[in-house]
PDB file of N, CA and C in Angstrom:
ATOM      1  N   MET A   1      -6.372 -36.405  29.625  1.00  0.00           N
ATOM      2  CA  MET A   1      -6.386 -36.120  28.218  1.00  0.00           C
ATOM      3  C   MET A   1      -4.944 -35.994  27.732  1.00  0.00           C
ATOM      4  N   ALA A   2      -4.653 -36.672  26.674  1.00  0.00           N
ATOM      5  CA  ALA A   2      -3.302 -36.657  26.114  1.00  0.00           C
ATOM      6  C   ALA A   2      -3.066 -35.356  25.349  1.00  0.00           C
ATOM      7  N   TRP A   3      -1.825 -34.899  25.387  1.00  0.00           N
ATOM      8  CA  TRP A   3      -1.456 -33.683  24.664  1.00  0.00           C
ATOM      9  C   TRP A   3      -1.376 -33.983  23.176  1.00  0.00           C
ATOM     10  N   ARG A   4      -1.960 -33.099  22.369  1.00  0.00           N
ATOM     11  CA  ARG A   4      -1.856 -33.203  20.909  1.00  0.00           C
ATOM     12  C   ARG A   4      -1.471 -31.831  20.366  1.00  0.00           C
ATOM     13  N   PRO A   5      -0.600 -31.808  19.375  1.00  0.00           N
ATOM     14  CA  PRO A   5      -0.218 -30.508  18.804  1.00  0.00           C
ATOM     15  C   PRO A   5      -1.395 -29.892  18.059  1.00  0.00           C
ATOM     16  N   LEU A   6      -1.428 -28.573  18.058  1.00  0.00           N
ATOM     17  CA  LEU A   6      -2.456 -27.862  17.300  1.00  0.00           C
ATOM     18  C   LEU A   6      -1.886 -27.488  15.952  1.00  0.00           C
ATOM     19  N   PRO A   7      -2.617 -27.485  14.908  1.00  0.00           N
ATOM     20  CA  PRO A   7      -3.977 -27.989  14.804  1.00  0.00           C
ATOM     21  C   PRO A   7      -3.981 -29.506  14.814  1.00  0.00           C
ATOM     22  N   ASP A   8      -5.169 -30.062  14.954  1.00  0.00           N
ATOM     23  CA  ASP A   8      -5.344 -31.506  14.987  1.00  0.00           C
ATOM     24  C   ASP A   8      -4.720 -32.100  13.726  1.00  0.00           C
ATOM     25  N   PRO A   9      -3.782 -33.028  13.865  1.00  0.00           N
ATOM     26  CA  PRO A   9      -3.123 -33.580  12.685  1.00  0.00           C
ATOM     27  C   PRO A   9      -4.100 -34.274  11.735  1.00  0.00           C
ATOM     28  N   ASP A  10      -5.270 -34.642  12.218  1.00  0.00           N
ATOM     29  CA  ASP A  10      -6.253 -35.279  11.345  1.00  0.00           C
ATOM     30  C   ASP A  10      -7.142 -34.254  10.644  1.00  0.00           C
ATOM     31  N   GLY A  11      -7.054 -32.995  11.082  1.00  0.00           N
ATOM     32  CA  GLY A  11      -7.897 -31.951  10.503  1.00  0.00           C
ATOM     33  C   GLY A  11      -7.152 -31.155   9.440  1.00  0.00           C
ATOM     34  N   GLU A  12      -7.779 -30.075   9.014  1.00  0.00           N
ATOM     35  CA  GLU A  12      -7.159 -29.215   8.015  1.00  0.00           C
ATOM     36  C   GLU A  12      -6.042 -28.400   8.652  1.00  0.00           C
ATOM     37  N   PRO A  13      -4.992 -28.120   7.875  1.00  0.00           N
ATOM     38  CA  PRO A  13      -3.921 -27.279   8.413  1.00  0.00           C
ATOM     39  C   PRO A  13      -4.427 -25.844   8.556  1.00  0.00           C
ATOM     40  N   PRO A  14      -3.791 -25.073   9.402  1.00  0.00           N
ATOM     41  CA  PRO A  14      -4.229 -23.684   9.562  1.00  0.00           C
ATOM     42  C   PRO A  14      -4.004 -22.889   8.275  1.00  0.00           C
ATOM     43  N   ALA A  15      -4.865 -21.919   8.042  1.00  0.00           N
ATOM     44  CA  ALA A  15      -4.715 -21.057   6.875  1.00  0.00           C
ATOM     45  C   ALA A  15      -3.625 -20.032   7.165  1.00  0.00           C
ATOM     46  N   PRO A  16      -2.871 -19.656   6.145  1.00  0.00           N
ATOM     47  CA  PRO A  16      -1.861 -18.614   6.352  1.00  0.00           C
ATOM     48  C   PRO A  16      -2.526 -17.313   6.818  1.00  0.00           C
ATOM     49  N   ILE A  17      -1.852 -16.607   7.679  1.00  0.00           N
ATOM     50  CA  ILE A  17      -2.425 -15.362   8.209  1.00  0.00           C
ATOM     51  C   ILE A  17      -2.651 -14.340   7.098  1.00  0.00           C
ATOM     52  N   SER A  18      -1.864 -14.428   6.026  1.00  0.00           N
ATOM     53  CA  SER A  18      -2.034 -13.482   4.922  1.00  0.00           C
ATOM     54  C   SER A  18      -3.427 -13.584   4.303  1.00  0.00           C
ATOM     55  N   GLU A  19      -4.006 -14.780   4.301  1.00  0.00           N
ATOM     56  CA  GLU A  19      -5.361 -14.937   3.770  1.00  0.00           C
ATOM     57  C   GLU A  19      -6.365 -14.180   4.629  1.00  0.00           C
ATOM     58  N   SER A  20      -6.222 -14.282   5.937  1.00  0.00           N
ATOM     59  CA  SER A  20      -7.113 -13.556   6.838  1.00  0.00           C
ATOM     60  C   SER A  20      -6.931 -12.052   6.697  1.00  0.00           C
ATOM     61  N   LEU A  21      -5.680 -11.615   6.633  1.00  0.00           N
ATOM     62  CA  LEU A  21      -5.418 -10.188   6.471  1.00  0.00           C
ATOM     63  C   LEU A  21      -5.981  -9.666   5.156  1.00  0.00           C
ATOM     64  N   ASP A  22      -5.829 -10.443   4.093  1.00  0.00           N
ATOM     65  CA  ASP A  22      -6.364 -10.024   2.800  1.00  0.00           C
ATOM     66  C   ASP A  22      -7.884  -9.880   2.841  1.00  0.00           C
ATOM     67  N   ARG A  23      -8.569 -10.786   3.546  1.00  0.00           N
ATOM     68  CA  ARG A  23     -10.031 -10.668   3.677  1.00  0.00           C
ATOM     69  C   ARG A  23     -10.411  -9.393   4.424  1.00  0.00           C
ATOM     70  N   VAL A  24      -9.694  -9.096   5.489  1.00  0.00           N
ATOM     71  CA  VAL A  24      -9.972  -7.883   6.258  1.00  0.00           C
ATOM     72  C   VAL A  24      -9.695  -6.642   5.411  1.00  0.00           C
ATOM     73  N   LEU A  25      -8.552  -6.640   4.723  1.00  0.00           N
ATOM     74  CA  LEU A  25      -8.211  -5.488   3.885  1.00  0.00           C
ATOM     75  C   LEU A  25      -9.232  -5.286   2.772  1.00  0.00           C
ATOM     76  N   ARG A  26      -9.672  -6.366   2.155  1.00  0.00           N
ATOM     77  CA  ARG A  26     -10.686  -6.278   1.094  1.00  0.00           C
ATOM     78  C   ARG A  26     -11.967  -5.661   1.639  1.00  0.00           C
ATOM     79  N   ALA A  27     -12.354  -6.050   2.841  1.00  0.00           N
ATOM     80  CA  ALA A  27     -13.559  -5.498   3.465  1.00  0.00           C
ATOM     81  C   ALA A  27     -13.401  -4.008   3.754  1.00  0.00           C
ATOM     82  N   LEU A  28     -12.173  -3.558   3.955  1.00  0.00           N
ATOM     83  CA  LEU A  28     -11.903  -2.151   4.224  1.00  0.00           C
ATOM     84  C   LEU A  28     -11.651  -1.345   2.947  1.00  0.00           C
ATOM     85  N   GLY A  29     -11.692  -2.019   1.796  1.00  0.00           N
ATOM     86  CA  GLY A  29     -11.483  -1.324   0.533  1.00  0.00           C
ATOM     87  C   GLY A  29     -10.034  -1.223   0.119  1.00  0.00           C
ATOM     88  N   SER A  30      -9.176  -2.030   0.700  1.00  0.00           N
ATOM     89  CA  SER A  30      -7.752  -2.000   0.381  1.00  0.00           C
ATOM     90  C   SER A  30      -7.370  -3.201  -0.473  1.00  0.00           C
ATOM     91  N   PRO A  31      -6.283  -3.070  -1.224  1.00  0.00           N
ATOM     92  CA  PRO A  31      -5.788  -4.212  -1.995  1.00  0.00           C
ATOM     93  C   PRO A  31      -5.111  -5.226  -1.071  1.00  0.00           C
ATOM     94  N   PRO A  32      -4.771  -6.397  -1.593  1.00  0.00           N
ATOM     95  CA  PRO A  32      -4.094  -7.418  -0.784  1.00  0.00           C
ATOM     96  C   PRO A  32      -2.735  -6.932  -0.257  1.00  0.00           C
ATOM     97  N   MET A  33      -2.262  -7.578   0.792  1.00  0.00           N
ATOM     98  CA  MET A  33      -0.983  -7.212   1.406  1.00  0.00           C
ATOM     99  C   MET A  33       0.161  -7.234   0.397  1.00  0.00           C
ATOM    100  N   ALA A  34       0.175  -8.206  -0.490  1.00  0.00           N
ATOM    101  CA  ALA A  34       1.268  -8.295  -1.467  1.00  0.00           C
ATOM    102  C   ALA A  34       1.318  -7.044  -2.338  1.00  0.00           C
ATOM    103  N   THR A  35       0.158  -6.519  -2.717  1.00  0.00           N
ATOM    104  CA  THR A  35       0.095  -5.304  -3.534  1.00  0.00           C
ATOM    105  C   THR A  35       0.580  -4.105  -2.732  1.00  0.00           C
ATOM    106  N   ARG A  36       0.148  -4.013  -1.488  1.00  0.00           N
ATOM    107  CA  ARG A  36       0.585  -2.904  -0.624  1.00  0.00           C
ATOM    108  C   ARG A  36       2.086  -2.964  -0.408  1.00  0.00           C
ATOM    109  N   ASP A  37       2.619  -4.148  -0.168  1.00  0.00           N
ATOM    110  CA  ASP A  37       4.062  -4.299   0.015  1.00  0.00           C
ATOM    111  C   ASP A  37       4.813  -3.867  -1.240  1.00  0.00           C
ATOM    112  N   GLU A  38       4.297  -4.278  -2.392  1.00  0.00           N
ATOM    113  CA  GLU A  38       4.945  -3.920  -3.653  1.00  0.00           C
ATOM    114  C   GLU A  38       4.917  -2.405  -3.857  1.00  0.00           C
ATOM    115  N   LEU A  39       3.806  -1.766  -3.500  1.00  0.00           N
ATOM    116  CA  LEU A  39       3.709  -0.313  -3.624  1.00  0.00           C
ATOM    117  C   LEU A  39       4.837   0.361  -2.846  1.00  0.00           C
ATOM    118  N   PHE A  40       5.033  -0.047  -1.591  1.00  0.00           N
ATOM    119  CA  PHE A  40       6.082   0.554  -0.777  1.00  0.00           C
ATOM    120  C   PHE A  40       7.473   0.245  -1.335  1.00  0.00           C
ATOM    121  N   ASP A  41       7.633  -0.931  -1.944  1.00  0.00           N
ATOM    122  CA  ASP A  41       8.921  -1.305  -2.532  1.00  0.00           C
ATOM    123  C   ASP A  41       9.246  -0.487  -3.780  1.00  0.00           C
ATOM    124  N   VAL A  42       8.250  -0.237  -4.636  1.00  0.00           N
ATOM    125  CA  VAL A  42       8.509   0.446  -5.914  1.00  0.00           C
ATOM    126  C   VAL A  42       8.419   1.969  -5.814  1.00  0.00           C
ATOM    127  N   TRP A  43       7.918   2.489  -4.693  1.00  0.00           N
ATOM    128  CA  TRP A  43       7.748   3.933  -4.534  1.00  0.00           C
ATOM    129  C   TRP A  43       9.010   4.726  -4.914  1.00  0.00           C
ATOM    130  N   PRO A  44      10.196   4.394  -4.390  1.00  0.00           N
ATOM    131  CA  PRO A  44      11.387   5.174  -4.760  1.00  0.00           C
ATOM    132  C   PRO A  44      11.693   5.125  -6.260  1.00  0.00           C
ATOM    133  N   GLU A  45      11.447   4.008  -6.912  1.00  0.00           N
ATOM    134  CA  GLU A  45      11.696   3.903  -8.342  1.00  0.00           C
ATOM    135  C   GLU A  45      10.701   4.745  -9.140  1.00  0.00           C
ATOM    136  N   VAL A  46       9.458   4.795  -8.684  1.00  0.00           N
ATOM    137  CA  VAL A  46       8.409   5.510  -9.403  1.00  0.00           C
ATOM    138  C   VAL A  46       8.582   7.021  -9.264  1.00  0.00           C
ATOM    139  N   VAL A  47       8.878   7.496  -8.066  1.00  0.00           N
ATOM    140  CA  VAL A  47       8.931   8.943  -7.834  1.00  0.00           C
ATOM    141  C   VAL A  47      10.338   9.521  -7.901  1.00  0.00           C
ATOM    142  N   GLY A  48      11.346   8.687  -7.817  1.00  0.00           N
ATOM    143  CA  GLY A  48      12.718   9.171  -7.817  1.00  0.00           C
ATOM    144  C   GLY A  48      13.225   9.391  -6.407  1.00  0.00           C
ATOM    145  N   PRO A  49      14.550   9.433  -6.254  1.00  0.00           N
ATOM    146  CA  PRO A  49      15.145   9.499  -4.923  1.00  0.00           C
ATOM    147  C   PRO A  49      14.848  10.785  -4.160  1.00  0.00           C
ATOM    148  N   ALA A  50      14.755  11.924  -4.841  1.00  0.00           N
ATOM    149  CA  ALA A  50      14.507  13.195  -4.137  1.00  0.00           C
ATOM    150  C   ALA A  50      13.140  13.186  -3.467  1.00  0.00           C
ATOM    151  N   ILE A  51      12.124  12.757  -4.198  1.00  0.00           N
ATOM    152  CA  ILE A  51      10.772  12.726  -3.634  1.00  0.00           C
ATOM    153  C   ILE A  51      10.653  11.615  -2.602  1.00  0.00           C
ATOM    154  N   ALA A  52      11.199  10.449  -2.915  1.00  0.00           N
ATOM    155  CA  ALA A  52      11.106   9.322  -1.988  1.00  0.00           C
ATOM    156  C   ALA A  52      11.799   9.625  -0.667  1.00  0.00           C
ATOM    157  N   GLY A  53      12.806  10.490  -0.700  1.00  0.00           N
ATOM    158  CA  GLY A  53      13.520  10.838   0.521  1.00  0.00           C
ATOM    159  C   GLY A  53      12.719  11.732   1.456  1.00  0.00           C
ATOM    160  N   THR A  54      11.690  12.408   0.925  1.00  0.00           N
ATOM    161  CA  THR A  54      10.926  13.329   1.759  1.00  0.00           C
ATOM    162  C   THR A  54       9.439  13.010   1.827  1.00  0.00           C
ATOM    163  N   CYS A  55       8.908  12.318   0.837  1.00  0.00           N
ATOM    164  CA  CYS A  55       7.469  12.029   0.772  1.00  0.00           C
ATOM    165  C   CYS A  55       7.276  10.523   0.805  1.00  0.00           C
ATOM    166  N   ARG A  56       6.395  10.057   1.684  1.00  0.00           N
ATOM    167  CA  ARG A  56       6.234   8.599   1.792  1.00  0.00           C
ATOM    168  C   ARG A  56       4.762   8.209   1.785  1.00  0.00           C
ATOM    169  N   PRO A  57       4.465   7.118   1.111  1.00  0.00           N
ATOM    170  CA  PRO A  57       3.084   6.619   1.121  1.00  0.00           C
ATOM    171  C   PRO A  57       2.758   6.043   2.488  1.00  0.00           C
ATOM    172  N   VAL A  58       1.525   6.290   2.955  1.00  0.00           N
ATOM    173  CA  VAL A  58       1.137   5.771   4.263  1.00  0.00           C
ATOM    174  C   VAL A  58      -0.102   4.889   4.215  1.00  0.00           C
ATOM    175  N   SER A  59      -0.944   5.051   3.190  1.00  0.00           N
ATOM    176  CA  SER A  59      -2.115   4.180   3.102  1.00  0.00           C
ATOM    177  C   SER A  59      -2.611   4.111   1.669  1.00  0.00           C
ATOM    178  N   LEU A  60      -3.313   3.035   1.385  1.00  0.00           N
ATOM    179  CA  LEU A  60      -3.936   2.824   0.088  1.00  0.00           C
ATOM    180  C   LEU A  60      -5.296   2.202   0.344  1.00  0.00           C
ATOM    181  N   THR A  61      -6.336   3.003   0.150  1.00  0.00           N
ATOM    182  CA  THR A  61      -7.695   2.554   0.420  1.00  0.00           C
ATOM    183  C   THR A  61      -8.614   3.017  -0.691  1.00  0.00           C
ATOM    184  N   GLY A  62      -9.378   2.085  -1.241  1.00  0.00           N
ATOM    185  CA  GLY A  62     -10.346   2.438  -2.272  1.00  0.00           C
ATOM    186  C   GLY A  62      -9.734   3.120  -3.472  1.00  0.00           C
ATOM    187  N   GLY A  63      -8.512   2.785  -3.828  1.00  0.00           N
ATOM    188  CA  GLY A  63      -7.845   3.380  -4.978  1.00  0.00           C
ATOM    189  C   GLY A  63      -7.169   4.708  -4.686  1.00  0.00           C
ATOM    190  N   THR A  64      -7.275   5.199  -3.463  1.00  0.00           N
ATOM    191  CA  THR A  64      -6.650   6.472  -3.092  1.00  0.00           C
ATOM    192  C   THR A  64      -5.381   6.214  -2.299  1.00  0.00           C
ATOM    193  N   LEU A  65      -4.269   6.673  -2.841  1.00  0.00           N
ATOM    194  CA  LEU A  65      -2.978   6.564  -2.173  1.00  0.00           C
ATOM    195  C   LEU A  65      -2.762   7.852  -1.385  1.00  0.00           C
ATOM    196  N   THR A  66      -2.561   7.721  -0.089  1.00  0.00           N
ATOM    197  CA  THR A  66      -2.283   8.880   0.757  1.00  0.00           C
ATOM    198  C   THR A  66      -0.784   8.933   1.008  1.00  0.00           C
ATOM    199  N   VAL A  67      -0.208  10.120   0.738  1.00  0.00           N
ATOM    200  CA  VAL A  67       1.228  10.330   0.870  1.00  0.00           C
ATOM    201  C   VAL A  67       1.465  11.456   1.874  1.00  0.00           C
ATOM    202  N   VAL A  68       2.365  11.222   2.809  1.00  0.00           N
ATOM    203  CA  VAL A  68       2.738  12.235   3.788  1.00  0.00           C
ATOM    204  C   VAL A  68       3.888  13.052   3.214  1.00  0.00           C
ATOM    205  N   VAL A  69       3.735  14.390   3.291  1.00  0.00           N
ATOM    206  CA  VAL A  69       4.747  15.311   2.782  1.00  0.00           C
ATOM    207  C   VAL A  69       5.130  16.287   3.898  1.00  0.00           C
ATOM    208  N   PRO A  70       6.350  16.861   3.841  1.00  0.00           N
ATOM    209  CA  PRO A  70       6.785  17.734   4.927  1.00  0.00           C
ATOM    210  C   PRO A  70       6.223  19.158   4.882  1.00  0.00           C
ATOM    211  N   ASP A  71       5.774  19.617   3.697  1.00  0.00           N
ATOM    212  CA  ASP A  71       5.249  20.981   3.618  1.00  0.00           C
ATOM    213  C   ASP A  71       4.375  21.137   2.377  1.00  0.00           C
ATOM    214  N   GLY A  72       3.757  22.309   2.269  1.00  0.00           N
ATOM    215  CA  GLY A  72       2.841  22.577   1.167  1.00  0.00           C
ATOM    216  C   GLY A  72       3.498  22.562  -0.196  1.00  0.00           C
ATOM    217  N   GLY A  73       4.775  22.894  -0.252  1.00  0.00           N
ATOM    218  CA  GLY A  73       5.489  22.859  -1.525  1.00  0.00           C
ATOM    219  C   GLY A  73       5.530  21.451  -2.112  1.00  0.00           C
ATOM    220  N   TRP A  74       5.831  20.484  -1.266  1.00  0.00           N
ATOM    221  CA  TRP A  74       5.850  19.096  -1.722  1.00  0.00           C
ATOM    222  C   TRP A  74       4.436  18.626  -2.068  1.00  0.00           C
ATOM    223  N   ALA A  75       3.446  19.085  -1.319  1.00  0.00           N
ATOM    224  CA  ALA A  75       2.059  18.719  -1.627  1.00  0.00           C
ATOM    225  C   ALA A  75       1.691  19.213  -3.018  1.00  0.00           C
ATOM    226  N   SER A  76       2.068  20.448  -3.348  1.00  0.00           N
ATOM    227  CA  SER A  76       1.796  21.002  -4.680  1.00  0.00           C
ATOM    228  C   SER A  76       2.520  20.201  -5.756  1.00  0.00           C
ATOM    229  N   GLN A  77       3.760  19.861  -5.494  1.00  0.00           N
ATOM    230  CA  GLN A  77       4.540  19.089  -6.464  1.00  0.00           C
ATOM    231  C   GLN A  77       3.872  17.744  -6.761  1.00  0.00           C
ATOM    232  N   LEU A  78       3.422  17.048  -5.724  1.00  0.00           N
ATOM    233  CA  LEU A  78       2.788  15.743  -5.934  1.00  0.00           C
ATOM    234  C   LEU A  78       1.428  15.888  -6.622  1.00  0.00           C
ATOM    235  N   ARG A  79       0.687  16.945  -6.307  1.00  0.00           N
ATOM    236  CA  ARG A  79      -0.582  17.170  -7.012  1.00  0.00           C
ATOM    237  C   ARG A  79      -0.322  17.385  -8.491  1.00  0.00           C
ATOM    238  N   TRP A  80       0.702  18.148  -8.816  1.00  0.00           N
ATOM    239  CA  TRP A  80       1.056  18.415 -10.204  1.00  0.00           C
ATOM    240  C   TRP A  80       1.497  17.127 -10.913  1.00  0.00           C
ATOM    241  N   MET A  81       2.237  16.290 -10.208  1.00  0.00           N
ATOM    242  CA  MET A  81       2.731  15.031 -10.785  1.00  0.00           C
ATOM    243  C   MET A  81       1.710  13.898 -10.703  1.00  0.00           C
ATOM    244  N   GLY A  82       0.598  14.096 -10.008  1.00  0.00           N
ATOM    245  CA  GLY A  82      -0.365  13.042  -9.734  1.00  0.00           C
ATOM    246  C   GLY A  82      -0.733  12.157 -10.901  1.00  0.00           C
ATOM    247  N   PRO A  83      -1.208  12.711 -12.027  1.00  0.00           N
ATOM    248  CA  PRO A  83      -1.594  11.850 -13.158  1.00  0.00           C
ATOM    249  C   PRO A  83      -0.444  10.988 -13.676  1.00  0.00           C
ATOM    250  N   GLU A  84       0.753  11.567 -13.735  1.00  0.00           N
ATOM    251  CA  GLU A  84       1.918  10.806 -14.194  1.00  0.00           C
ATOM    252  C   GLU A  84       2.248   9.674 -13.222  1.00  0.00           C
ATOM    253  N   LEU A  85       2.184   9.960 -11.926  1.00  0.00           N
ATOM    254  CA  LEU A  85       2.479   8.931 -10.923  1.00  0.00           C
ATOM    255  C   LEU A  85       1.438   7.817 -10.943  1.00  0.00           C
ATOM    256  N   VAL A  86       0.169   8.169 -11.118  1.00  0.00           N
ATOM    257  CA  VAL A  86      -0.889   7.154 -11.201  1.00  0.00           C
ATOM    258  C   VAL A  86      -0.625   6.237 -12.396  1.00  0.00           C
ATOM    259  N   THR A  87      -0.213   6.812 -13.523  1.00  0.00           N
ATOM    260  CA  THR A  87       0.095   6.009 -14.716  1.00  0.00           C
ATOM    261  C   THR A  87       1.276   5.084 -14.451  1.00  0.00           C
ATOM    262  N   LYS A  88       2.330   5.603 -13.849  1.00  0.00           N
ATOM    263  CA  LYS A  88       3.506   4.776 -13.543  1.00  0.00           C
ATOM    264  C   LYS A  88       3.155   3.653 -12.566  1.00  0.00           C
ATOM    265  N   LEU A  89       2.350   3.973 -11.561  1.00  0.00           N
ATOM    266  CA  LEU A  89       1.966   2.950 -10.589  1.00  0.00           C
ATOM    267  C   LEU A  89       1.061   1.897 -11.226  1.00  0.00           C
ATOM    268  N   ALA A  90       0.235   2.289 -12.187  1.00  0.00           N
ATOM    269  CA  ALA A  90      -0.615   1.315 -12.888  1.00  0.00           C
ATOM    270  C   ALA A  90       0.233   0.321 -13.658  1.00  0.00           C
ATOM    271  N   VAL A  91       1.335   0.787 -14.224  1.00  0.00           N
ATOM    272  CA  VAL A  91       2.238  -0.111 -14.953  1.00  0.00           C
ATOM    273  C   VAL A  91       2.864  -1.111 -13.990  1.00  0.00           C
ATOM    274  N   ARG A  92       3.248  -0.653 -12.805  1.00  0.00           N
ATOM    275  CA  ARG A  92       3.930  -1.512 -11.842  1.00  0.00           C
ATOM    276  C   ARG A  92       2.985  -2.404 -11.035  1.00  0.00           C
ATOM    277  N   LEU A  93       1.803  -1.859 -10.659  1.00  0.00           N
ATOM    278  CA  LEU A  93       0.910  -2.573  -9.741  1.00  0.00           C
ATOM    279  C   LEU A  93      -0.341  -3.135 -10.409  1.00  0.00           C
ATOM    280  N   GLY A  94      -0.659  -2.633 -11.587  1.00  0.00           N
ATOM    281  CA  GLY A  94      -1.881  -3.038 -12.271  1.00  0.00           C
ATOM    282  C   GLY A  94      -2.864  -1.875 -12.308  1.00  0.00           C
ATOM    283  N   PRO A  95      -3.710  -1.866 -13.316  1.00  0.00           N
ATOM    284  CA  PRO A  95      -4.659  -0.763 -13.453  1.00  0.00           C
ATOM    285  C   PRO A  95      -5.685  -0.748 -12.323  1.00  0.00           C
ATOM    286  N   GLY A  96      -6.023   0.452 -11.873  1.00  0.00           N
ATOM    287  CA  GLY A  96      -7.057   0.612 -10.863  1.00  0.00           C
ATOM    288  C   GLY A  96      -6.606   0.450  -9.435  1.00  0.00           C
ATOM    289  N   VAL A  97      -5.382   0.016  -9.202  1.00  0.00           N
ATOM    290  CA  VAL A  97      -4.908  -0.132  -7.822  1.00  0.00           C
ATOM    291  C   VAL A  97      -4.774   1.256  -7.188  1.00  0.00           C
ATOM    292  N   VAL A  98      -4.108   2.169  -7.903  1.00  0.00           N
ATOM    293  CA  VAL A  98      -4.008   3.559  -7.472  1.00  0.00           C
ATOM    294  C   VAL A  98      -4.722   4.400  -8.517  1.00  0.00           C
ATOM    295  N   GLU A  99      -5.804   5.054  -8.102  1.00  0.00           N
ATOM    296  CA  GLU A  99      -6.579   5.886  -9.021  1.00  0.00           C
ATOM    297  C   GLU A  99      -6.352   7.371  -8.779  1.00  0.00           C
ATOM    298  N   ARG A 100      -5.942   7.728  -7.580  1.00  0.00           N
ATOM    299  CA  ARG A 100      -5.659   9.114  -7.261  1.00  0.00           C
ATOM    300  C   ARG A 100      -4.700   9.180  -6.083  1.00  0.00           C
ATOM    301  N   ILE A 101      -4.043  10.328  -5.967  1.00  0.00           N
ATOM    302  CA  ILE A 101      -3.079  10.541  -4.890  1.00  0.00           C
ATOM    303  C   ILE A 101      -3.510  11.744  -4.065  1.00  0.00           C
ATOM    304  N   GLU A 102      -3.581  11.549  -2.762  1.00  0.00           N
ATOM    305  CA  GLU A 102      -3.865  12.631  -1.825  1.00  0.00           C
ATOM    306  C   GLU A 102      -2.613  12.856  -0.978  1.00  0.00           C
ATOM    307  N   THR A 103      -2.413  14.098  -0.588  1.00  0.00           N
ATOM    308  CA  THR A 103      -1.268  14.401   0.259  1.00  0.00           C
ATOM    309  C   THR A 103      -1.746  14.898   1.619  1.00  0.00           C
ATOM    310  N   ARG A 104      -0.942  14.645   2.619  1.00  0.00           N
ATOM    311  CA  ARG A 104      -1.163  15.132   3.974  1.00  0.00           C
ATOM    312  C   ARG A 104       0.139  15.776   4.433  1.00  0.00           C
ATOM    313  N   VAL A 105       0.057  17.037   4.820  1.00  0.00           N
ATOM    314  CA  VAL A 105       1.247  17.719   5.309  1.00  0.00           C
ATOM    315  C   VAL A 105       1.470  17.323   6.757  1.00  0.00           C
ATOM    316  N   ARG A 106       2.634  16.789   7.007  1.00  0.00           N
ATOM    317  CA  ARG A 106       3.012  16.371   8.359  1.00  0.00           C
ATOM    318  C   ARG A 106       4.483  16.693   8.540  1.00  0.00           C
ATOM    319  N   PRO A 107       4.783  17.887   9.063  1.00  0.00           N
ATOM    320  CA  PRO A 107       6.195  18.260   9.248  1.00  0.00           C
ATOM    321  C   PRO A 107       6.901  17.268  10.163  1.00  0.00           C
ATOM    322  N   ASP A 108       8.180  17.057   9.876  1.00  0.00           N
ATOM    323  CA  ASP A 108       8.984  16.131  10.711  1.00  0.00           C
ATOM    324  C   ASP A 108       9.224  16.674  12.079  1.00  0.00           C
TER     325      ASP A 108
END
């Protein structure tokens, strides 16, 4: 049998892996990878450098953004700022992408 490169040059080209990942994420209730990447990119601009330096987003599922904070004080601050942050993120990412923010205390 002669060697042929994959995929078969006479067949369809392979689909980008991002399409497969997006299907999996959609099934799990998450937005597409591009949206998640953008969220992590705009986080410092949305929350400011002080918060971005200590609090970081870790997941976005079903409209709930989970943010890791170092202590209860930061958790309270983000809960207080929650509605404002959701509004700012809607402007940057689109409405409904982030509907609420949850915090998880995880000391460094």
